[in-house]
N, C-alpha and C. Protein backbone atom coordinates (compact mmCIF):
# COMPACT_ATOMS: atom_id res chain seq x y z
N UNK A 1 36.36 92.15 130.13
CA UNK A 1 36.31 90.85 129.19
C UNK A 1 35.64 89.97 129.59
N UNK A 2 34.19 90.09 129.58
CA UNK A 2 33.51 89.17 130.55
C UNK A 2 33.47 87.54 130.09
N UNK A 3 32.96 87.02 128.87
CA UNK A 3 33.54 85.99 128.54
C UNK A 3 34.32 85.00 128.84
N UNK A 4 35.51 85.84 128.40
CA UNK A 4 36.55 84.22 128.71
C UNK A 4 36.73 84.22 130.32
N UNK A 5 35.94 84.87 131.09
CA UNK A 5 36.00 84.56 132.56
C UNK A 5 34.27 83.70 132.71
N UNK A 6 33.81 83.18 132.34
CA UNK A 6 32.78 82.18 132.58
C UNK A 6 32.75 80.77 132.54
N UNK A 7 31.79 80.24 133.56
CA UNK A 7 32.82 78.85 133.22
C UNK A 7 32.34 78.03 132.32
N UNK A 8 31.45 78.82 131.15
CA UNK A 8 31.39 77.42 129.77
C UNK A 8 32.68 78.10 128.62
N UNK A 9 33.63 78.97 129.16
CA UNK A 9 34.88 79.27 128.25
C UNK A 9 35.67 78.83 128.65
N UNK A 10 35.99 78.36 130.27
CA UNK A 10 36.81 77.62 131.14
C UNK A 10 36.55 76.27 130.18
N UNK A 11 35.44 75.70 130.57
CA UNK A 11 35.12 74.15 129.49
C UNK A 11 35.62 74.01 128.75
N UNK A 12 35.46 75.31 127.82
CA UNK A 12 35.83 75.18 126.24
C UNK A 12 37.36 74.83 125.86
N UNK A 13 38.35 75.69 127.29
CA UNK A 13 39.69 75.58 127.31
C UNK A 13 40.40 74.20 127.54
N UNK A 14 39.27 73.80 128.48
CA UNK A 14 40.08 72.64 128.98
C UNK A 14 39.58 71.32 128.33
N UNK A 15 38.28 71.49 126.97
CA UNK A 15 37.86 70.48 126.33
C UNK A 15 38.25 70.55 124.58
N UNK A 16 39.33 71.76 125.02
CA UNK A 16 40.09 71.47 123.25
C UNK A 16 40.63 70.99 122.37
N UNK A 17 41.33 70.29 123.40
CA UNK A 17 42.50 69.06 122.96
C UNK A 17 41.47 67.83 121.98
N UNK A 18 39.87 68.06 122.17
CA UNK A 18 39.26 67.04 121.83
C UNK A 18 39.51 67.18 120.78
N UNK A 19 39.36 68.39 120.00
CA UNK A 19 38.83 68.73 118.63
C UNK A 19 40.14 68.35 117.77
N UNK A 20 41.34 68.17 118.39
CA UNK A 20 42.59 67.62 117.51
C UNK A 20 43.33 68.86 116.99
N UNK A 21 43.60 69.20 115.83
CA UNK A 21 44.42 70.20 115.07
C UNK A 21 42.90 70.90 115.12
N UNK A 22 42.93 72.61 115.28
CA UNK A 22 42.16 73.46 115.31
C UNK A 22 42.31 73.74 113.74
N UNK A 23 41.58 73.75 113.31
CA UNK A 23 41.67 74.78 111.71
C UNK A 23 40.51 75.85 111.41
N UNK A 24 39.84 76.23 112.18
CA UNK A 24 39.46 76.92 112.24
C UNK A 24 38.47 77.87 113.22
N UNK A 25 38.53 78.96 113.47
CA UNK A 25 37.65 79.62 114.49
C UNK A 25 36.71 80.59 113.36
N UNK A 26 35.39 80.94 114.06
CA UNK A 26 34.65 81.64 113.58
C UNK A 26 33.82 82.42 114.68
N UNK A 27 33.81 83.47 114.50
CA UNK A 27 32.93 84.49 115.92
C UNK A 27 31.87 84.99 115.23
N UNK A 28 31.09 85.50 116.03
CA UNK A 28 29.97 86.52 115.06
C UNK A 28 28.96 87.18 116.29
N UNK A 29 28.98 88.50 116.30
CA UNK A 29 28.56 89.60 116.85
C UNK A 29 27.69 90.61 116.28
N UNK A 30 26.49 90.42 115.92
CA UNK A 30 25.93 91.55 115.17
C UNK A 30 24.42 91.69 115.68
N UNK A 31 24.03 92.85 116.04
CA UNK A 31 23.36 93.57 117.22
C UNK A 31 23.09 95.06 116.26
N UNK A 32 21.74 95.11 116.12
CA UNK A 32 21.68 96.65 115.65
C UNK A 32 21.46 97.23 117.01
N UNK A 33 21.53 98.81 116.69
CA UNK A 33 21.75 99.35 117.72
C UNK A 33 20.77 100.46 117.89
N UNK A 34 20.03 99.90 118.87
CA UNK A 34 18.74 101.36 118.97
C UNK A 34 19.35 103.27 118.61
N UNK A 35 20.58 103.23 119.29
CA UNK A 35 21.65 104.35 118.42
C UNK A 35 21.16 104.44 116.98
N UNK A 36 21.62 103.56 116.36
CA UNK A 36 21.30 103.48 114.91
C UNK A 36 20.29 104.16 114.24
N UNK A 37 18.94 103.88 114.51
CA UNK A 37 18.08 104.71 114.56
C UNK A 37 18.06 106.00 114.43
N UNK A 38 18.01 106.59 115.87
CA UNK A 38 19.16 108.07 115.65
C UNK A 38 19.52 108.24 114.82
N UNK A 39 20.52 107.44 114.69
CA UNK A 39 21.82 108.02 113.39
C UNK A 39 21.33 108.24 112.71
N UNK A 40 19.79 107.34 111.93
CA UNK A 40 19.75 107.62 110.83
C UNK A 40 18.64 108.58 110.46
N UNK A 41 18.29 109.40 111.83
CA UNK A 41 17.92 110.56 111.87
C UNK A 41 18.72 111.66 112.05
N UNK A 42 19.50 111.57 112.28
CA UNK A 42 20.54 112.84 112.04
C UNK A 42 21.30 112.95 113.41
N UNK A 43 20.56 112.48 114.61
CA UNK A 43 20.73 112.33 115.98
C UNK A 43 22.32 111.62 115.99
N UNK A 44 23.36 112.20 116.31
CA UNK A 44 24.70 111.04 116.30
C UNK A 44 24.93 110.75 117.77
N UNK A 45 24.41 109.52 118.65
CA UNK A 45 24.43 109.44 120.09
C UNK A 45 26.13 108.88 120.21
N UNK A 46 27.05 108.47 120.99
CA UNK A 46 28.15 108.45 121.53
C UNK A 46 28.36 107.07 121.00
N UNK A 47 27.34 106.22 120.00
CA UNK A 47 28.11 104.74 120.09
C UNK A 47 28.93 104.79 118.09
N UNK A 48 28.53 106.20 118.00
CA UNK A 48 29.19 106.64 116.97
C UNK A 48 29.40 107.16 116.39
N UNK A 49 30.38 108.08 117.67
CA UNK A 49 31.33 109.68 117.48
C UNK A 49 32.39 109.08 117.59
N UNK A 50 33.27 109.75 116.56
CA UNK A 50 34.80 109.15 116.26
C UNK A 50 35.63 110.00 117.46
N UNK A 51 35.10 111.41 118.58
CA UNK A 51 35.43 112.04 119.22
C UNK A 51 35.96 110.94 120.71
N UNK A 52 34.91 109.93 120.71
CA UNK A 52 35.03 108.82 121.85
C UNK A 52 35.36 107.63 121.88
N UNK A 53 36.25 107.40 120.45
CA UNK A 53 37.12 106.48 120.21
C UNK A 53 35.76 105.07 119.84
N UNK A 54 34.43 105.32 119.22
CA UNK A 54 33.85 104.61 119.52
C UNK A 54 33.40 104.01 118.16
N UNK A 55 32.10 103.01 117.74
CA UNK A 55 32.38 101.95 117.09
C UNK A 55 32.01 100.80 116.60
N UNK A 56 31.84 100.27 115.85
CA UNK A 56 31.06 98.71 116.26
C UNK A 56 32.45 97.92 116.69
N UNK A 57 34.01 98.16 116.20
CA UNK A 57 34.49 97.14 116.14
C UNK A 57 34.88 97.86 117.85
N UNK A 58 34.99 98.45 118.29
CA UNK A 58 35.91 99.10 119.61
C UNK A 58 34.64 99.07 120.67
N UNK A 59 33.53 98.70 120.65
CA UNK A 59 32.35 98.25 120.80
C UNK A 59 31.61 96.49 121.32
N UNK A 60 31.77 96.15 120.44
CA UNK A 60 30.92 94.79 120.01
C UNK A 60 31.93 93.97 119.77
N UNK A 61 33.25 94.64 118.74
CA UNK A 61 33.96 93.74 117.60
C UNK A 61 34.63 92.83 118.94
N UNK A 62 34.98 93.44 119.59
CA UNK A 62 36.08 92.93 120.76
C UNK A 62 35.77 92.05 121.18
N UNK A 63 34.40 91.89 121.41
CA UNK A 63 34.21 90.44 122.04
C UNK A 63 34.38 89.04 120.61
N UNK A 64 34.56 89.60 119.85
CA UNK A 64 34.63 88.55 119.11
C UNK A 64 36.23 88.52 118.59
N UNK A 65 37.18 88.85 118.80
CA UNK A 65 38.36 88.87 118.74
C UNK A 65 39.12 88.60 120.29
N UNK A 66 38.31 88.58 121.07
CA UNK A 66 39.78 88.66 122.29
C UNK A 66 39.61 86.85 123.08
N UNK A 67 38.25 86.86 122.49
CA UNK A 67 38.58 85.25 123.07
C UNK A 67 39.24 84.34 121.95
N UNK A 68 39.27 85.02 120.95
CA UNK A 68 40.34 84.48 119.72
C UNK A 68 41.67 84.28 120.28
N UNK A 69 42.03 85.45 120.65
CA UNK A 69 43.67 85.98 120.89
C UNK A 69 43.41 84.86 122.38
N UNK A 70 42.69 84.85 123.18
CA UNK A 70 42.99 83.52 124.25
C UNK A 70 43.25 82.75 123.99
N UNK A 71 42.86 82.37 123.17
CA UNK A 71 42.71 80.65 122.55
C UNK A 71 43.95 80.26 121.63
N UNK A 72 44.77 81.34 120.66
CA UNK A 72 45.53 80.83 119.96
C UNK A 72 46.36 82.11 119.51
N UNK A 73 46.42 83.39 120.79
CA UNK A 73 46.96 84.43 120.72
C UNK A 73 47.50 84.88 119.70
N UNK A 74 48.04 85.50 118.87
CA UNK A 74 48.27 86.55 118.10
C UNK A 74 48.28 86.29 116.61
N UNK A 75 47.67 86.92 115.65
CA UNK A 75 47.88 85.98 114.07
C UNK A 75 48.68 86.60 113.57
N UNK A 76 48.86 85.88 111.84
CA UNK A 76 50.44 85.80 111.30
C UNK A 76 49.53 87.35 110.48
N UNK A 77 48.71 87.17 110.04
CA UNK A 77 47.52 88.33 109.06
C UNK A 77 46.26 88.53 109.88
N UNK A 78 46.36 89.82 109.13
CA UNK A 78 45.13 90.39 109.33
C UNK A 78 44.51 91.33 107.89
N UNK A 79 43.02 90.36 107.69
CA UNK A 79 42.55 91.58 106.47
C UNK A 79 41.18 91.57 106.81
N UNK A 80 41.03 92.65 106.71
CA UNK A 80 39.91 93.73 107.58
C UNK A 80 38.80 94.40 106.56
N UNK A 81 37.25 94.44 106.14
CA UNK A 81 36.71 95.11 105.36
C UNK A 81 35.35 95.17 106.33
N UNK A 82 34.79 96.47 105.80
CA UNK A 82 33.57 96.93 107.03
C UNK A 82 33.11 98.22 105.87
N UNK A 83 31.41 98.80 106.90
CA UNK A 83 30.99 100.00 106.42
C UNK A 83 31.42 100.49 107.42
N UNK A 84 31.63 102.02 106.66
CA UNK A 84 32.73 103.52 107.47
C UNK A 84 31.33 103.95 107.28
N UNK A 85 31.17 104.73 108.48
CA UNK A 85 29.35 105.32 108.00
C UNK A 85 30.16 106.77 108.42
N UNK A 86 28.94 107.77 107.73
CA UNK A 86 29.08 109.37 107.12
C UNK A 86 30.25 110.33 108.49
N UNK A 87 29.96 109.50 109.83
CA UNK A 87 30.58 110.32 111.13
C UNK A 87 32.24 109.15 111.16
N UNK A 88 32.79 108.65 110.21
CA UNK A 88 34.03 108.29 110.05
C UNK A 88 33.74 106.96 111.36
N UNK A 89 33.44 106.91 112.13
CA UNK A 89 32.91 105.26 112.54
C UNK A 89 32.38 103.91 111.47
N UNK A 90 33.57 102.39 112.30
CA UNK A 90 32.17 101.73 111.60
C UNK A 90 31.76 100.60 112.02
N UNK A 91 30.50 100.92 110.68
CA UNK A 91 28.62 99.85 111.58
C UNK A 91 29.01 98.71 111.50
N UNK A 92 30.07 98.25 111.06
CA UNK A 92 29.62 96.95 110.98
C UNK A 92 31.23 96.45 110.16
N UNK A 93 31.25 95.01 110.46
CA UNK A 93 32.75 94.90 109.54
C UNK A 93 33.13 92.76 109.51
N UNK A 94 33.76 92.90 108.82
CA UNK A 94 34.72 91.16 108.53
C UNK A 94 35.58 91.07 108.59
N UNK A 95 36.27 90.18 109.50
CA UNK A 95 37.71 90.32 109.73
C UNK A 95 38.02 88.57 109.32
N UNK A 96 39.00 88.60 108.50
CA UNK A 96 40.09 87.01 108.39
C UNK A 96 41.35 86.99 108.90
N UNK A 97 41.75 86.24 109.41
CA UNK A 97 42.78 85.82 110.21
C UNK A 97 43.55 85.05 110.15
N UNK A 98 44.50 84.93 109.68
CA UNK A 98 45.82 83.86 109.22
C UNK A 98 46.66 82.99 110.63
N UNK A 99 46.49 81.78 111.34
CA UNK A 99 47.80 81.51 111.68
C UNK A 99 48.03 80.85 110.97
N UNK A 100 48.77 79.74 111.87
CA UNK A 100 50.26 78.99 111.85
C UNK A 100 49.48 77.24 111.38
N UNK A 101 48.51 76.87 110.22
CA UNK A 101 47.52 75.67 110.05
C UNK A 101 46.39 75.91 110.55
N UNK A 102 45.42 77.20 110.77
CA UNK A 102 44.65 77.28 111.11
C UNK A 102 43.97 79.18 110.16
N UNK A 103 42.63 79.27 110.08
CA UNK A 103 42.25 80.07 109.85
C UNK A 103 41.31 80.56 110.59
N UNK A 104 40.80 82.25 110.60
CA UNK A 104 39.61 82.49 111.35
C UNK A 104 39.11 83.79 111.11
N UNK A 105 37.94 84.26 111.32
CA UNK A 105 37.12 84.80 110.10
C UNK A 105 35.91 85.43 111.65
N UNK A 106 35.86 86.87 111.65
CA UNK A 106 35.21 87.28 112.85
C UNK A 106 33.97 88.61 111.89
N UNK A 107 33.17 88.57 112.66
CA UNK A 107 32.29 89.30 111.75
C UNK A 107 31.25 90.39 113.27
N UNK A 108 31.00 91.11 112.86
CA UNK A 108 30.53 92.11 114.06
C UNK A 108 29.65 93.49 113.38
N UNK A 109 28.47 93.72 113.86
CA UNK A 109 28.21 95.22 113.44
C UNK A 109 26.70 95.75 114.37
N UNK A 110 26.76 96.45 114.29
CA UNK A 110 25.58 97.60 114.70
C UNK A 110 24.69 97.95 114.33
N UNK A 111 24.71 97.31 112.62
CA UNK A 111 23.40 98.48 111.88
C UNK A 111 22.57 97.11 111.24
N UNK A 112 23.26 95.80 111.82
CA UNK A 112 22.51 94.77 111.44
C UNK A 112 22.29 93.63 112.48
N UNK A 113 21.56 92.28 112.45
CA UNK A 113 21.65 92.04 113.82
C UNK A 113 21.94 90.22 112.96
N UNK A 114 22.64 89.55 113.19
CA UNK A 114 22.95 88.38 113.11
C UNK A 114 22.57 87.23 114.24
N UNK A 115 22.10 85.58 114.14
CA UNK A 115 21.73 85.03 114.89
C UNK A 115 23.01 83.67 114.99
N UNK A 116 23.78 84.07 114.13
CA UNK A 116 24.87 83.32 114.03
C UNK A 116 25.51 82.82 115.04
N UNK A 117 26.60 81.25 115.39
CA UNK A 117 26.78 81.37 116.62
C UNK A 117 28.45 80.95 116.05
N UNK A 118 28.85 81.07 117.02
CA UNK A 118 30.66 80.82 117.36
C UNK A 118 31.02 79.36 117.02
N UNK A 119 31.41 79.03 115.91
CA UNK A 119 32.18 77.24 116.39
C UNK A 119 34.02 77.62 115.80
N UNK A 120 34.57 76.51 116.74
CA UNK A 120 35.56 76.37 116.57
C UNK A 120 35.40 74.88 115.62
N UNK A 121 36.80 75.02 114.53
CA UNK A 121 36.35 73.13 113.97
C UNK A 121 38.05 73.11 113.77
N UNK A 122 37.92 71.36 114.20
CA UNK A 122 39.16 70.67 114.43
C UNK A 122 39.18 69.44 113.67
N UNK A 123 40.32 68.94 113.49
CA UNK A 123 40.58 67.65 112.53
C UNK A 123 39.41 66.45 113.05
N UNK A 124 38.80 66.84 114.86
CA UNK A 124 38.55 65.54 114.84
C UNK A 124 36.91 66.08 115.41
N UNK A 125 36.51 67.22 115.34
CA UNK A 125 34.91 67.76 116.03
C UNK A 125 35.71 69.30 116.09
N UNK A 126 33.82 69.55 116.41
CA UNK A 126 33.79 71.05 116.54
C UNK A 126 33.21 71.16 117.65
N UNK A 127 33.74 72.20 117.57
CA UNK A 127 32.51 73.12 119.61
C UNK A 127 31.85 74.23 119.01
N UNK A 128 30.71 73.96 119.43
CA UNK A 128 29.87 75.35 119.06
C UNK A 128 29.46 76.29 120.57
N UNK A 129 29.34 77.38 120.38
CA UNK A 129 28.60 78.39 121.33
C UNK A 129 28.19 79.13 121.13
N UNK A 130 26.69 79.26 121.36
CA UNK A 130 25.65 80.00 121.40
C UNK A 130 25.46 81.65 121.26
N UNK A 131 26.18 82.42 122.08
CA UNK A 131 26.80 83.43 121.91
C UNK A 131 28.55 83.76 122.64
N UNK A 132 28.98 84.21 121.80
CA UNK A 132 30.45 84.75 121.70
C UNK A 132 30.51 85.55 123.31
N UNK A 133 29.75 86.85 123.15
CA UNK A 133 29.12 87.72 124.70
C UNK A 133 28.82 87.40 125.40
N UNK A 134 28.29 86.01 125.54
CA UNK A 134 27.43 85.84 126.61
C UNK A 134 27.17 83.98 126.55
N UNK A 135 28.16 83.17 126.90
CA UNK A 135 28.21 81.85 126.16
C UNK A 135 27.32 81.17 127.23
N UNK A 136 25.62 80.92 126.71
CA UNK A 136 24.83 80.11 127.81
C UNK A 136 25.11 79.07 127.98
N UNK A 137 25.56 78.52 126.33
CA UNK A 137 25.17 77.02 125.54
C UNK A 137 26.55 76.26 124.99
N UNK A 138 26.90 75.25 125.71
CA UNK A 138 28.27 75.12 124.58
C UNK A 138 28.63 73.89 124.39
N UNK A 139 28.50 73.50 122.87
CA UNK A 139 27.94 71.85 122.55
C UNK A 139 29.41 71.51 121.71
N UNK A 140 29.70 69.99 121.63
CA UNK A 140 30.77 69.14 121.19
C UNK A 140 29.85 67.89 120.60
N UNK A 141 30.49 68.23 118.95
CA UNK A 141 30.56 67.19 118.20
C UNK A 141 31.82 66.13 117.25
N UNK A 142 31.63 65.28 117.71
CA UNK A 142 32.83 64.99 116.92
C UNK A 142 32.58 64.66 115.80
N UNK A 143 33.37 64.47 114.89
CA UNK A 143 33.64 64.27 113.36
C UNK A 143 33.23 62.72 112.58
N UNK A 144 32.38 63.04 112.25
CA UNK A 144 31.96 61.28 111.89
C UNK A 144 32.89 60.95 110.61
N UNK A 145 32.91 59.60 110.69
CA UNK A 145 33.80 58.79 109.82
C UNK A 145 33.21 59.18 108.90
N UNK A 146 34.52 59.58 107.76
CA UNK A 146 34.45 59.84 106.48
C UNK A 146 33.73 58.85 105.60
N UNK A 147 33.16 59.44 105.14
CA UNK A 147 32.20 58.70 104.35
C UNK A 147 31.73 59.57 103.26
N UNK A 148 31.93 60.11 103.21
CA UNK A 148 31.78 60.95 101.48
C UNK A 148 30.23 61.50 102.01
N UNK A 149 30.02 62.38 103.14
CA UNK A 149 29.05 63.02 103.13
C UNK A 149 27.63 62.06 103.52
N UNK A 150 27.58 61.00 103.34
CA UNK A 150 26.09 59.42 103.64
C UNK A 150 26.55 59.24 104.91
N UNK A 151 27.48 58.92 105.78
CA UNK A 151 27.35 58.52 106.80
C UNK A 151 26.76 59.23 107.92
N UNK A 152 26.43 58.29 109.02
CA UNK A 152 25.41 58.42 110.05
C UNK A 152 26.25 60.04 110.33
N UNK A 153 25.28 60.80 110.96
CA UNK A 153 26.77 62.31 111.90
C UNK A 153 26.55 61.67 113.50
N UNK A 154 27.58 62.22 113.95
CA UNK A 154 27.36 61.77 115.50
C UNK A 154 26.71 63.12 116.38
N UNK A 155 26.20 62.52 117.45
CA UNK A 155 25.50 62.66 118.41
C UNK A 155 25.95 64.56 118.79
N UNK A 156 25.29 64.92 118.85
CA UNK A 156 25.89 66.88 119.72
C UNK A 156 25.87 66.45 120.89
N UNK A 157 26.58 66.76 121.46
CA UNK A 157 26.27 66.53 123.66
C UNK A 157 27.13 67.88 124.11
N UNK A 158 25.58 68.27 125.12
CA UNK A 158 25.87 69.30 125.84
C UNK A 158 26.84 69.39 126.66
N UNK A 159 28.16 70.36 126.57
CA UNK A 159 29.29 70.26 127.49
C UNK A 159 29.06 71.91 128.53
N UNK A 160 28.03 72.12 128.61
CA UNK A 160 27.50 73.40 129.01
C UNK A 160 27.81 73.27 130.57
N UNK A 161 28.84 74.52 131.01
CA UNK A 161 28.41 74.46 132.45
C UNK A 161 27.12 75.37 133.33
N UNK A 162 27.03 75.09 134.74
CA UNK A 162 25.51 75.59 134.94
C UNK A 162 26.17 77.37 134.85
N UNK A 163 24.75 78.08 134.24
CA UNK A 163 25.49 79.37 134.74
C UNK A 163 24.54 79.88 135.02
N UNK A 164 24.44 79.97 136.44
CA UNK A 164 22.64 80.58 136.91
C UNK A 164 23.52 82.48 137.43
N UNK A 165 24.21 82.75 136.96
CA UNK A 165 24.60 83.54 138.17
C UNK A 165 24.42 84.97 136.86
N UNK A 166 23.73 86.36 137.12
CA UNK A 166 24.78 87.31 136.74
C UNK A 166 26.06 87.40 135.29
N UNK A 167 25.20 87.91 134.57
CA UNK A 167 26.35 87.73 133.68
C UNK A 167 27.51 88.57 133.46
N UNK A 168 27.71 89.34 134.53
CA UNK A 168 28.95 90.06 134.96
C UNK A 168 29.13 89.86 136.06
N UNK A 169 29.08 88.53 136.69
CA UNK A 169 29.18 87.87 137.88
C UNK A 169 30.78 87.67 137.78
N UNK A 170 30.81 86.89 137.16
CA UNK A 170 32.40 86.39 136.73
C UNK A 170 33.74 87.08 136.69
N UNK A 171 33.03 88.33 136.15
CA UNK A 171 33.99 88.79 135.51
C UNK A 171 34.41 90.05 136.85
N UNK A 172 33.48 90.63 137.74
CA UNK A 172 33.67 91.62 139.36
C UNK A 172 34.05 89.81 140.12
N UNK A 173 34.24 89.09 139.93
CA UNK A 173 34.50 88.17 141.05
C UNK A 173 36.02 87.97 140.45
N UNK A 174 36.63 87.88 139.29
CA UNK A 174 38.03 87.86 139.06
C UNK A 174 38.24 88.93 139.42
N UNK A 175 37.83 89.70 139.50
CA UNK A 175 38.51 91.22 139.82
C UNK A 175 38.55 91.34 141.43
N UNK A 176 37.70 91.06 142.39
CA UNK A 176 37.82 90.87 143.88
C UNK A 176 38.93 90.12 143.96
N UNK A 177 38.74 88.61 143.15
CA UNK A 177 39.82 87.50 143.77
C UNK A 177 41.04 88.66 143.73
N UNK A 178 41.42 88.81 142.38
CA UNK A 178 42.60 89.61 141.95
C UNK A 178 43.35 90.67 143.05
N UNK A 179 42.42 91.70 143.56
CA UNK A 179 42.45 92.54 144.54
C UNK A 179 43.27 91.67 145.99
N UNK A 180 42.10 91.09 146.49
CA UNK A 180 42.58 89.56 147.46
C UNK A 180 43.71 89.54 147.00
N UNK A 181 44.05 88.71 146.49
CA UNK A 181 45.04 87.93 145.75
C UNK A 181 46.30 88.94 146.18
N UNK A 182 46.19 89.95 145.43
CA UNK A 182 47.46 90.86 145.63
C UNK A 182 47.90 90.80 144.12
N UNK A 183 47.26 90.36 142.99
CA UNK A 183 47.78 89.91 142.06
C UNK A 183 47.86 91.67 140.91
N UNK A 184 48.43 91.67 140.40
CA UNK A 184 48.20 93.18 139.30
C UNK A 184 47.65 92.42 137.83
N UNK A 185 47.43 91.24 137.54
CA UNK A 185 46.98 90.64 136.32
C UNK A 185 46.01 89.48 136.43
N UNK A 186 45.32 89.31 135.80
CA UNK A 186 44.25 88.10 135.54
C UNK A 186 45.12 87.48 134.48
N UNK A 187 45.44 85.93 135.24
CA UNK A 187 45.79 84.81 134.25
C UNK A 187 45.01 85.27 132.69
N UNK A 188 43.96 85.11 132.18
CA UNK A 188 43.52 84.56 131.48
C UNK A 188 43.31 86.07 130.54
N UNK A 189 42.46 87.42 131.15
CA UNK A 189 42.30 88.42 130.49
C UNK A 189 43.95 89.88 131.23
N UNK A 190 44.96 88.64 130.59
CA UNK A 190 46.33 89.11 130.98
C UNK A 190 46.67 90.11 129.73
N UNK A 191 47.79 90.83 130.00
CA UNK A 191 48.08 92.48 130.06
C UNK A 191 48.54 92.09 128.48
N UNK A 192 48.82 90.68 128.37
CA UNK A 192 49.88 90.36 126.82
C UNK A 192 48.24 90.16 126.47
N UNK A 193 47.59 89.49 126.78
CA UNK A 193 45.92 89.47 125.85
C UNK A 193 45.52 90.62 125.47
N UNK A 194 45.37 91.52 126.18
CA UNK A 194 44.44 92.77 126.34
C UNK A 194 45.42 93.42 124.69
N UNK A 195 47.11 93.37 125.09
CA UNK A 195 47.84 94.50 124.10
C UNK A 195 47.59 93.93 122.96
N UNK A 196 47.20 92.42 122.92
CA UNK A 196 47.78 91.85 121.50
C UNK A 196 46.22 92.24 120.88
N UNK A 197 44.99 92.53 121.55
CA UNK A 197 43.70 92.70 121.31
C UNK A 197 43.64 93.95 120.53
N UNK A 198 44.42 94.79 121.35
CA UNK A 198 44.56 96.36 121.37
C UNK A 198 44.89 96.47 119.56
N UNK A 199 46.26 95.74 119.38
CA UNK A 199 46.52 96.08 118.03
C UNK A 199 46.27 95.29 117.32
N UNK A 200 45.13 94.73 117.11
CA UNK A 200 44.33 93.88 116.04
C UNK A 200 43.38 94.65 115.69
N UNK A 201 42.81 95.17 117.10
CA UNK A 201 41.49 96.44 116.79
C UNK A 201 42.33 97.68 116.01
N UNK A 202 43.88 98.24 115.89
CA UNK A 202 44.09 99.75 115.46
C UNK A 202 44.51 98.87 114.19
N UNK A 203 44.58 97.63 114.16
CA UNK A 203 44.78 97.30 112.65
C UNK A 203 43.79 97.57 111.88
N UNK A 204 43.24 96.90 112.22
CA UNK A 204 41.51 96.72 111.63
C UNK A 204 40.71 98.37 111.21
N UNK A 205 40.83 98.73 112.23
CA UNK A 205 41.09 100.51 111.86
C UNK A 205 41.82 101.19 111.01
N UNK A 206 42.83 100.85 110.56
CA UNK A 206 43.85 101.31 109.88
C UNK A 206 42.99 100.60 108.29
N UNK A 207 42.95 99.39 108.42
CA UNK A 207 42.64 99.41 107.21
C UNK A 207 40.76 99.67 106.83
N UNK A 208 40.41 99.59 107.26
CA UNK A 208 38.92 100.33 107.69
C UNK A 208 39.06 101.83 107.16
N UNK A 209 39.71 102.12 107.38
CA UNK A 209 40.50 103.68 107.30
C UNK A 209 39.18 104.74 108.31
N UNK A 210 39.42 104.05 109.35
CA UNK A 210 38.79 104.46 110.42
C UNK A 210 39.89 105.65 111.83
N UNK A 211 39.95 106.66 111.97
CA UNK A 211 40.78 107.19 112.90
C UNK A 211 40.07 108.17 113.77
N UNK A 212 40.27 107.87 114.84
CA UNK A 212 40.07 108.70 116.14
C UNK A 212 40.95 110.20 116.12
N UNK A 213 40.26 110.98 117.00
CA UNK A 213 40.68 112.15 118.06
C UNK A 213 42.13 111.78 119.09
N UNK A 214 42.01 111.02 119.59
CA UNK A 214 42.41 110.01 120.53
C UNK A 214 44.15 109.27 120.28
N UNK A 215 43.82 109.27 118.92
CA UNK A 215 44.88 108.58 118.09
C UNK A 215 45.80 109.34 117.65
N UNK A 216 46.19 111.34 117.35
CA UNK A 216 46.24 112.53 117.21
C UNK A 216 46.99 112.91 119.18
N UNK A 217 46.89 112.76 119.52
CA UNK A 217 47.05 113.69 120.79
C UNK A 217 48.19 112.77 121.67
N UNK A 218 49.72 113.16 121.68
CA UNK A 218 50.47 112.86 121.60
C UNK A 218 50.84 112.61 123.98
N UNK A 219 51.05 111.73 124.49
CA UNK A 219 51.05 111.93 126.27
C UNK A 219 52.97 112.03 125.92
N UNK A 220 52.66 112.82 127.35
CA UNK A 220 54.35 113.17 127.40
C UNK A 220 54.63 112.12 128.84
């Protein structure tokens, strides 16, 4: 999972306490797929084939979920809705999560575009990420003094780290470092975080009625 290994995500994790009590996580990754044009022509490519265990959540929705798990852990409750295509794969979805004292919402799609950023809302301020799948810009805005919405806004601070490398650089570098150090897992993209994310995706699919051939194959 590349975004959780980027310098800007590291800055976010270190700066998160500035926001005080976190009340909401919102992430969106909606990108119209060129393969969807073929789908509408009756040509089903890999992105929408359930026999390949694919679909919108598996392909891009995971980018909205994994950072949430790294930051906040396992949610207490999941509620999903979405659009299931004729092949049985999901074209898009919206998922609400409940945590102790906070909510989270993620939107994902391969059949529509969106330019919505990702936001983390705390009682003392908000963080904004331009793209959850590739974090190039990270900003912080402290909460203004309560004034029934009539007071001046606080300035938006750009706290972005320098990210002049290829978008896959940090993921590859993490892998190399782990091998050289003889470690079996990343401290960020840990086995636990990955398993929690898989469990979330499975529950989202269950609620949407998305079933894969691999779900029915037993392994010894």
